[in-house]
């Protein structure tokens, strides 16, 4: 995973988080992720070319997702944003046993497994994890009346986790 891939996943996750307020401006994405607007513009351009986002012109314009976050996977984002990752994926799928060196089998297998893993993670999953992490950090709202034990649980993958308060505190 290159920094380009990682940043693209972060940008798409932010867009999914913020899209209920309308199109997301590049400057907002840049500020939230601590990168220059020109870097954001290049990456969002790749994501747009990959069919994952589209621009909305005019006042209040910006970028929106082209599909619901539950139908966009991390592998979709990585392959759209990073031409090297896409090239590696294509090579891994096309290399025959006769063409492969001893170590290329390892790298092709690793690439295939990583892509399979990333295909199982959607933007919706990342948004839910980020929201759960924010709730954990913030705790209950000040002055909130709590009845019963203060426990926040969430499902990550197939396992139920206790998110707040932390089980060790």
Protein backbone atom coordinates (compact mmCIF):
# COMPACT_ATOMS: atom_id res chain seq x y z
CA UNK A 1 0.00 0.00 0.00
CA UNK A 2 1.45 3.31 -1.07
CA UNK A 3 0.80 6.60 0.69
CA UNK A 4 -1.26 7.55 -2.39
CA UNK A 5 -3.51 4.53 -1.78
CA UNK A 6 -3.84 5.21 1.93
CA UNK A 7 -4.64 8.88 1.45
CA UNK A 8 -7.21 8.03 -1.23
CA UNK A 9 -8.98 5.67 1.19
CA UNK A 10 -8.97 8.43 3.82
CA UNK A 11 -10.37 10.97 1.33
CA UNK A 12 -13.14 8.61 0.24
CA UNK A 13 -14.00 7.80 3.86
CA UNK A 14 -14.24 11.52 4.62
CA UNK A 15 -16.47 12.05 1.60
CA UNK A 16 -18.74 9.26 2.80
CA UNK A 17 -18.84 10.85 6.28
CA UNK A 18 -19.58 14.34 4.99
CA UNK A 19 -21.81 13.63 1.98
CA UNK A 20 -25.07 14.11 3.89
CA UNK A 21 -24.23 17.85 3.91
CA UNK A 22 -23.89 17.91 0.11
CA UNK A 23 -20.85 17.99 -2.18
CA UNK A 24 -17.52 18.08 -0.36
CA UNK A 25 -15.03 20.78 -1.35
CA UNK A 26 -11.42 19.81 -2.06
CA UNK A 27 -10.15 22.37 0.45
CA UNK A 28 -12.23 20.70 3.19
CA UNK A 29 -10.77 17.29 2.33
CA UNK A 30 -7.26 18.75 2.26
CA UNK A 31 -7.67 20.47 5.61
CA UNK A 32 -9.15 17.38 7.29
CA UNK A 33 -6.31 15.19 6.02
CA UNK A 34 -3.45 17.67 6.37
CA UNK A 35 -2.51 17.72 2.69
CA UNK A 36 -2.34 20.41 0.03
CA UNK A 37 -5.34 21.11 -2.18
CA UNK A 38 -3.25 20.24 -5.26
CA UNK A 39 -2.52 16.75 -3.86
CA UNK A 40 -6.20 16.26 -3.09
CA UNK A 41 -7.11 17.48 -6.57
CA UNK A 42 -4.78 14.94 -8.22
CA UNK A 43 -6.10 12.03 -6.17
CA UNK A 44 -9.75 13.01 -6.54
CA UNK A 45 -9.11 13.31 -10.28
CA UNK A 46 -7.94 9.69 -10.33
CA UNK A 47 -10.95 8.63 -8.26
CA UNK A 48 -13.23 10.50 -10.65
CA UNK A 49 -11.58 8.87 -13.65
CA UNK A 50 -12.13 5.54 -11.88
CA UNK A 51 -15.85 6.29 -11.61
CA UNK A 52 -15.97 6.53 -7.81
CA UNK A 53 -16.67 10.26 -7.44
CA UNK A 54 -18.07 13.03 -9.59
CA UNK A 55 -17.79 16.78 -9.44
CA UNK A 56 -20.67 19.14 -8.84
CA UNK A 57 -20.14 22.64 -10.23
CA UNK A 58 -21.37 25.95 -8.97
CA UNK A 59 -21.78 27.55 -5.55
CA UNK A 60 -21.72 24.87 -2.89
CA UNK A 61 -20.06 22.52 -5.39
CA UNK A 62 -17.50 19.88 -4.69
CA UNK A 63 -17.38 16.12 -5.06
CA UNK A 64 -19.84 13.36 -4.25
CA UNK A 65 -19.64 9.58 -4.29
CA UNK A 66 -21.15 7.95 -7.38
CA UNK A 67 -22.41 4.95 -5.40
CA UNK A 68 -23.55 4.22 -1.86
CA UNK A 69 -20.62 3.67 0.55
CA UNK A 70 -21.72 0.05 1.09
CA UNK A 71 -21.01 -0.69 -2.58
CA UNK A 72 -17.53 0.88 -2.76
CA UNK A 73 -14.72 -1.31 -1.47
CA UNK A 74 -11.23 -0.40 -0.35
CA UNK A 75 -9.88 -2.33 -3.34
CA UNK A 76 -12.02 -0.18 -5.67
CA UNK A 77 -10.38 2.92 -4.21
CA UNK A 78 -6.83 1.57 -4.25
CA UNK A 79 -7.07 0.31 -7.82
CA UNK A 80 -8.58 3.61 -9.03
CA UNK A 81 -6.05 5.80 -7.22
CA UNK A 82 -2.80 3.92 -7.68
CA UNK A 83 -1.73 2.76 -11.12
CA UNK A 84 1.06 0.62 -9.62
CA UNK A 85 -1.41 -1.30 -7.46
CA UNK A 86 -3.64 -1.84 -10.48
CA UNK A 87 -0.67 -3.03 -12.53
CA UNK A 88 0.43 -5.42 -9.76
CA UNK A 89 -3.10 -6.82 -9.52
CA UNK A 90 -3.22 -7.38 -13.26
CA UNK A 91 0.18 -9.07 -13.25
CA UNK A 92 -0.81 -11.33 -10.35
CA UNK A 93 -3.91 -12.41 -12.24
CA UNK A 94 -2.10 -13.00 -15.54
CA UNK A 95 1.23 -14.60 -14.62
CA UNK A 96 1.45 -18.27 -15.48
CA UNK A 97 3.51 -20.77 -13.55
CA UNK A 98 6.08 -20.98 -16.36
CA UNK A 99 6.63 -17.20 -16.33
CA UNK A 100 6.98 -16.87 -12.58
CA UNK A 101 10.25 -16.66 -10.69
CA UNK A 102 10.51 -18.34 -7.31
CA UNK A 103 9.84 -15.17 -5.33
CA UNK A 104 7.24 -13.76 -7.72
CA UNK A 105 4.87 -16.56 -6.66
CA UNK A 106 5.08 -15.17 -3.14
CA UNK A 107 4.43 -11.56 -4.19
CA UNK A 108 1.64 -12.48 -6.60
CA UNK A 109 -0.04 -14.53 -3.90
CA UNK A 110 0.33 -11.71 -1.39
CA UNK A 111 -1.12 -9.17 -3.84
CA UNK A 112 -4.07 -11.44 -4.58
CA UNK A 113 -4.76 -11.99 -0.87
CA UNK A 114 -4.49 -8.29 -0.05
CA UNK A 115 -6.94 -7.41 -2.82
CA UNK A 116 -9.33 -10.12 -1.69
CA UNK A 117 -9.12 -8.75 1.86
CA UNK A 118 -9.65 -5.15 0.66
CA UNK A 119 -12.67 -6.25 -1.41
CA UNK A 120 -14.33 -7.36 1.83
CA UNK A 121 -14.07 -3.89 3.40
CA UNK A 122 -16.50 -1.20 2.27
CA UNK A 123 -16.47 2.54 2.85
CA UNK A 124 -19.57 2.04 4.98
CA UNK A 125 -17.54 -0.25 7.26
CA UNK A 126 -14.78 2.36 7.56
CA UNK A 127 -17.30 5.12 8.30
CA UNK A 128 -18.94 3.03 11.03
CA UNK A 129 -15.55 2.24 12.57
CA UNK A 130 -14.57 5.92 12.53
CA UNK A 131 -17.88 6.94 14.13
CA UNK A 132 -17.46 4.27 16.82
CA UNK A 133 -13.91 5.46 17.51
CA UNK A 134 -15.13 9.06 17.84
CA UNK A 135 -17.90 8.00 20.22
CA UNK A 136 -15.34 6.08 22.27
CA UNK A 137 -13.03 9.10 22.51
CA UNK A 138 -15.83 11.52 23.35
CA UNK A 139 -17.70 9.33 25.82
CA UNK A 140 -21.24 10.30 26.78
CA UNK A 141 -22.44 13.84 26.12
CA UNK A 142 -21.81 16.23 29.02
CA UNK A 143 -24.79 16.25 31.36
CA UNK A 144 -26.28 13.16 29.76
CA UNK A 145 -28.35 11.12 32.13
CA UNK A 146 -27.13 7.56 32.19
CA UNK A 147 -29.29 4.75 33.49
CA UNK A 148 -27.74 1.36 33.93
CA UNK A 149 -24.20 0.40 33.01
CA UNK A 150 -22.42 2.68 30.56
CA UNK A 151 -21.39 0.31 27.80
CA UNK A 152 -21.02 0.83 24.08
CA UNK A 153 -20.51 -2.24 21.94
CA UNK A 154 -19.97 -2.64 18.24
CA UNK A 155 -19.41 -5.32 15.70
CA UNK A 156 -16.17 -5.38 13.76
CA UNK A 157 -16.14 -8.22 11.29
CA UNK A 158 -18.11 -11.01 12.91
CA UNK A 159 -17.00 -10.31 16.49
CA UNK A 160 -18.80 -8.16 19.03
CA UNK A 161 -16.45 -5.72 20.79
CA UNK A 162 -16.88 -3.60 23.86
CA UNK A 163 -15.99 -0.11 22.68
CA UNK A 164 -16.77 2.11 25.64
CA UNK A 165 -15.85 2.14 28.41
CA UNK A 166 -12.71 0.24 27.60
CA UNK A 167 -12.87 -3.22 29.25
CA UNK A 168 -9.53 -2.62 30.99
CA UNK A 169 -10.55 0.66 32.63
